[in-house]
Amino acid sequence: MRKNSRSTGHIRPVKITPDFCPAATGSVLFELGATRVICAATASGVVPSHAESRGWGWVTGEYTMLPYSTSPRTRRDQFRKDGRAVEIQRLLGRALRSAVDLPRLKEWCITVDCDVLEAYGGTRSASITGGYIAMKRAVKRMLDDGLLEENPIVDAVAAVSLGIVDGELMLDLDYNEDSRAEVDMNVVMDGSFRLVEIQGSAERRSFSKERLDEMLALAQTGIEELLEIQKAY
């Protein structure tokens, strides 16, 4: 049993506050336990040249850990993002685009900003799961306003972290668990539980293919719960 009597196979409590950023086209405050991320999707008529040449729209992501999201303080990105932030925002963009038929977006670009207010483990998976909700709300508003003729979202997408801690497989690692994990993994799946991306590494010791299969099965149980939560928003 873990902190707050949470079993090894359960995710932390999820809380979602919709329309958290009124100026964005769609937004939520996504809370996963003590981890809190603002996810705001904004639509614009400026798309990258590679998409414009095909007549496609585009979806991209931005990820930032605000200075006060960690202790000690995280340095603010003033001139260029650190390598970890760049890697996560690329993951965010890839994950969200997997749920979208880009030709249906036509001339629109949706930028999903994920700003971490409080980092207590699982910020990238929280950003993907909350970012999808923000994007879905933005698309609904665009459809209601007549900016889109058809819904470009063709699937859902959600993500969860997990790992092996003290020899035990655990879902949705918090900061204390993640910092001492023997194996650390992030899994992204679509609404049919097909894999979008797997990021995993042996932090202290290697692991077998059989153990990997166990981790993917456990990840699916957490993603199934997250997908159900997403449907309400």
Protein backbone atom coordinates (compact mmCIF):
# COMPACT_ATOMS: atom_id res chain seq x y z
CA MET A 1 0.00 0.00 0.00
CA ARG A 2 1.26 3.48 -0.88
CA LYS A 3 0.80 6.94 0.52
CA ASN A 4 -2.83 7.86 1.23
CA SER A 5 -3.72 4.13 1.09
CA ARG A 6 -3.48 4.11 -2.71
CA SER A 7 -2.93 0.64 -4.14
CA THR A 8 -0.10 -0.02 -6.58
CA GLY A 9 -2.55 -0.34 -9.50
CA HIS A 10 -4.48 2.91 -9.09
CA ILE A 11 -3.91 6.44 -10.37
CA ARG A 12 -4.04 9.48 -8.14
CA PRO A 13 -7.31 11.45 -7.83
CA VAL A 14 -8.06 13.55 -10.90
CA LYS A 15 -9.69 16.97 -10.75
CA ILE A 16 -10.53 19.05 -13.83
CA THR A 17 -11.55 22.70 -13.88
CA PRO A 18 -12.83 23.63 -17.36
CA ASP A 19 -12.49 27.07 -19.00
CA PHE A 20 -9.64 27.97 -16.68
CA CYS A 21 -8.17 30.46 -19.18
CA PRO A 22 -11.01 32.53 -20.72
CA ALA A 23 -8.81 34.00 -23.47
CA ALA A 24 -7.93 30.56 -24.85
CA THR A 25 -10.19 28.76 -27.32
CA GLY A 26 -10.41 25.84 -24.89
CA SER A 27 -8.74 25.23 -21.54
CA VAL A 28 -8.66 23.22 -18.32
CA LEU A 29 -6.75 23.08 -15.07
CA PHE A 30 -5.77 19.42 -14.86
CA GLU A 31 -4.86 18.08 -11.41
CA LEU A 32 -3.42 14.62 -10.88
CA GLY A 33 -2.90 14.29 -7.17
CA ALA A 34 -0.59 17.17 -6.21
CA THR A 35 0.54 17.69 -9.82
CA ARG A 36 -1.29 20.65 -11.38
CA VAL A 37 -1.04 21.70 -15.03
CA ILE A 38 -2.82 24.49 -16.91
CA CYS A 39 -3.67 23.22 -20.41
CA ALA A 40 -4.85 25.90 -22.85
CA ALA A 41 -5.58 25.38 -26.55
CA THR A 42 -5.58 28.40 -28.86
CA ALA A 43 -6.62 28.41 -32.52
CA SER A 44 -4.97 30.64 -35.09
CA GLY A 45 -5.01 30.94 -38.88
CA VAL A 46 -1.23 30.66 -39.21
CA VAL A 47 0.01 27.14 -39.93
CA PRO A 48 3.57 25.91 -40.55
CA SER A 49 4.68 26.06 -44.18
CA HIS A 50 4.96 22.28 -44.49
CA ALA A 51 1.29 21.91 -43.51
CA GLU A 52 0.14 24.90 -45.54
CA SER A 53 1.66 23.46 -48.72
CA ARG A 54 -0.57 20.39 -48.28
CA GLY A 55 -3.66 22.34 -47.34
CA TRP A 56 -3.57 20.84 -43.85
CA GLY A 57 -4.06 22.30 -40.42
CA TRP A 58 -1.65 21.60 -37.60
CA VAL A 59 -1.51 20.83 -33.88
CA THR A 60 1.51 21.69 -31.79
CA GLY A 61 2.35 21.80 -28.09
CA GLU A 62 4.31 23.99 -25.71
CA TYR A 63 5.46 22.81 -22.27
CA THR A 64 6.86 24.86 -19.42
CA MET A 65 7.52 24.22 -15.76
CA LEU A 66 6.84 27.49 -13.98
CA PRO A 67 9.59 28.59 -11.56
CA TYR A 68 7.52 27.96 -8.45
CA SER A 69 6.32 24.50 -9.58
CA THR A 70 9.29 22.83 -7.88
CA SER A 71 11.44 23.17 -4.80
CA PRO A 72 14.10 24.38 -5.24
CA ARG A 73 12.89 26.91 -7.80
CA THR A 74 13.09 26.01 -11.49
CA ARG A 75 14.91 28.61 -13.57
CA ARG A 76 12.67 30.47 -15.99
CA ASP A 77 13.26 29.86 -19.72
CA GLN A 78 14.24 33.29 -21.05
CA PHE A 79 16.28 32.58 -24.14
CA ARG A 80 15.87 28.89 -24.90
CA LYS A 81 14.12 25.93 -23.34
CA ASP A 82 16.08 23.25 -21.54
CA GLY A 83 16.45 19.90 -23.23
CA ARG A 84 13.85 18.17 -21.08
CA ALA A 85 11.17 20.77 -21.85
CA VAL A 86 11.87 20.55 -25.59
CA GLU A 87 11.64 16.75 -25.50
CA ILE A 88 8.34 16.85 -23.60
CA GLN A 89 6.72 19.44 -25.85
CA ARG A 90 7.65 17.39 -28.91
CA LEU A 91 6.06 14.36 -27.26
CA LEU A 92 3.00 16.49 -26.48
CA GLY A 93 2.65 17.59 -30.10
CA ARG A 94 3.08 14.06 -31.48
CA ALA A 95 0.55 12.63 -29.02
CA LEU A 96 -2.13 15.24 -29.75
CA ARG A 97 -1.66 15.03 -33.54
CA SER A 98 -2.26 11.29 -33.36
CA ALA A 99 -5.88 12.06 -32.41
CA VAL A 100 -6.51 14.52 -35.24
CA ASP A 101 -7.23 14.28 -38.97
CA LEU A 102 -5.08 17.26 -39.99
CA PRO A 103 -6.71 17.82 -43.43
CA ARG A 104 -10.02 18.50 -41.65
CA LEU A 105 -8.39 21.35 -39.73
CA LYS A 106 -7.73 23.06 -43.07
CA GLU A 107 -6.07 26.43 -42.45
CA TRP A 108 -6.21 26.28 -38.66
CA CYS A 109 -3.37 25.67 -36.23
CA ILE A 110 -4.16 24.68 -32.64
CA THR A 111 -1.40 25.37 -30.12
CA VAL A 112 -1.77 23.59 -26.79
CA ASP A 113 0.17 25.30 -23.99
CA CYS A 114 0.85 23.21 -20.90
CA ASP A 115 2.18 25.19 -17.96
CA VAL A 116 3.05 23.20 -14.85
CA LEU A 117 1.89 24.98 -11.69
CA GLU A 118 2.98 22.23 -9.33
CA ALA A 119 5.24 19.33 -10.27
CA TYR A 120 4.84 16.22 -8.14
CA GLY A 121 5.44 13.50 -10.70
CA GLY A 122 3.83 12.63 -14.02
CA THR A 123 3.82 16.12 -15.54
CA ARG A 124 4.24 14.92 -19.12
CA SER A 125 1.42 12.38 -18.87
CA ALA A 126 -0.81 14.97 -17.16
CA SER A 127 -0.01 17.45 -19.94
CA ILE A 128 -1.02 14.99 -22.66
CA THR A 129 -4.21 13.90 -20.92
CA GLY A 130 -5.25 17.43 -19.97
CA GLY A 131 -4.00 18.86 -23.26
CA TYR A 132 -6.33 16.55 -25.16
CA ILE A 133 -9.30 17.84 -23.16
CA ALA A 134 -8.30 21.45 -23.86
CA MET A 135 -7.96 20.66 -27.57
CA LYS A 136 -11.32 18.90 -27.64
CA ARG A 137 -13.01 21.88 -26.00
CA ALA A 138 -11.32 24.24 -28.46
CA VAL A 139 -12.55 22.20 -31.43
CA LYS A 140 -16.10 22.16 -30.06
CA ARG A 141 -16.03 25.94 -29.81
CA MET A 142 -14.69 26.23 -33.35
CA LEU A 143 -17.47 23.97 -34.62
CA ASP A 144 -20.10 25.97 -32.73
CA ASP A 145 -18.70 29.21 -34.18
CA GLY A 146 -18.72 27.84 -37.71
CA LEU A 147 -14.94 27.95 -38.08
CA LEU A 148 -14.80 24.24 -38.89
CA GLU A 149 -17.13 22.24 -41.11
CA GLU A 150 -16.42 18.85 -39.51
CA ASN A 151 -14.81 17.56 -36.35
CA PRO A 152 -11.11 16.88 -36.99
CA ILE A 153 -10.70 14.84 -33.79
CA VAL A 154 -10.92 11.19 -34.78
CA ASP A 155 -9.76 9.52 -31.58
CA ALA A 156 -8.93 10.16 -27.94
CA VAL A 157 -5.45 10.10 -26.44
CA ALA A 158 -4.24 9.82 -22.85
CA ALA A 159 -1.02 8.99 -21.04
CA VAL A 160 0.13 7.58 -17.73
CA SER A 161 3.39 7.05 -15.91
CA LEU A 162 4.41 3.89 -14.14
CA GLY A 163 7.50 2.08 -12.96
CA ILE A 164 9.14 -0.43 -10.66
CA VAL A 165 9.85 0.85 -7.16
CA ASP A 166 11.47 -1.37 -4.52
CA GLY A 167 10.87 -4.31 -6.83
CA GLU A 168 7.13 -3.59 -7.08
CA LEU A 169 5.23 -2.47 -10.18
CA MET A 170 3.36 0.80 -9.54
CA LEU A 171 1.00 2.90 -11.65
CA ASP A 172 1.13 6.71 -11.80
CA LEU A 173 4.28 7.47 -9.86
CA ASP A 174 4.37 10.53 -7.63
CA TYR A 175 7.59 12.46 -7.15
CA ASN A 176 8.90 10.42 -4.21
CA GLU A 177 8.30 7.16 -6.07
CA ASP A 178 9.69 8.41 -9.37
CA SER A 179 12.88 9.69 -7.75
CA ARG A 180 13.78 6.20 -6.50
CA ALA A 181 12.31 4.07 -9.29
CA GLU A 182 14.35 1.19 -10.67
CA VAL A 183 12.42 1.41 -13.95
CA ASP A 184 10.59 4.53 -15.14
CA MET A 185 8.09 4.54 -18.01
CA ASN A 186 5.52 6.77 -19.72
CA VAL A 187 2.90 5.22 -22.00
CA VAL A 188 0.60 7.03 -24.44
CA MET A 189 -2.42 5.23 -25.92
CA ASP A 190 -5.37 6.14 -28.11
CA GLY A 191 -9.02 5.45 -27.43
CA SER A 192 -8.72 1.86 -28.67
CA PHE A 193 -5.66 1.24 -26.46
CA ARG A 194 -3.32 1.22 -29.41
CA LEU A 195 0.13 2.48 -28.53
CA VAL A 196 1.03 6.02 -29.56
CA GLU A 197 4.37 6.19 -27.76
CA ILE A 198 6.37 4.38 -25.09
CA GLN A 199 9.17 6.05 -23.17
CA GLY A 200 10.90 3.73 -20.75
CA SER A 201 14.30 3.27 -19.19
CA ALA A 202 16.05 1.13 -16.63
CA GLU A 203 17.20 3.66 -14.07
CA ARG A 204 19.06 1.13 -11.88
CA ARG A 205 18.65 -2.33 -13.35
CA SER A 206 17.50 -3.93 -16.59
CA PHE A 207 14.10 -5.56 -17.00
CA SER A 208 12.71 -8.43 -19.05
CA LYS A 209 10.25 -8.43 -21.95
CA GLU A 210 7.79 -10.24 -19.68
CA ARG A 211 8.05 -7.38 -17.20
CA LEU A 212 7.51 -4.91 -20.04
CA ASP A 213 4.31 -6.73 -21.00
CA GLU A 214 3.13 -6.47 -17.40
CA MET A 215 3.84 -2.74 -17.37
CA LEU A 216 1.93 -2.16 -20.61
CA ALA A 217 -1.05 -4.09 -19.28
CA LEU A 218 -1.02 -2.01 -16.09
CA ALA A 219 -0.66 1.21 -18.10
CA GLN A 220 -3.78 0.29 -20.06
CA THR A 221 -5.86 0.06 -16.88
CA GLY A 222 -4.84 3.58 -15.89
CA ILE A 223 -5.39 4.98 -19.37
CA GLU A 224 -8.82 3.35 -19.51
CA GLU A 225 -9.80 5.30 -16.40
CA LEU A 226 -8.38 8.54 -17.80
CA LEU A 227 -10.24 8.08 -21.10
CA GLU A 228 -13.51 7.73 -19.20
CA ILE A 229 -12.80 10.95 -17.28
CA GLN A 230 -12.03 12.79 -20.53
CA LYS A 231 -15.45 11.92 -21.97
CA ALA A 232 -17.19 14.19 -19.43
CA TYR A 233 -15.40 17.27 -20.80
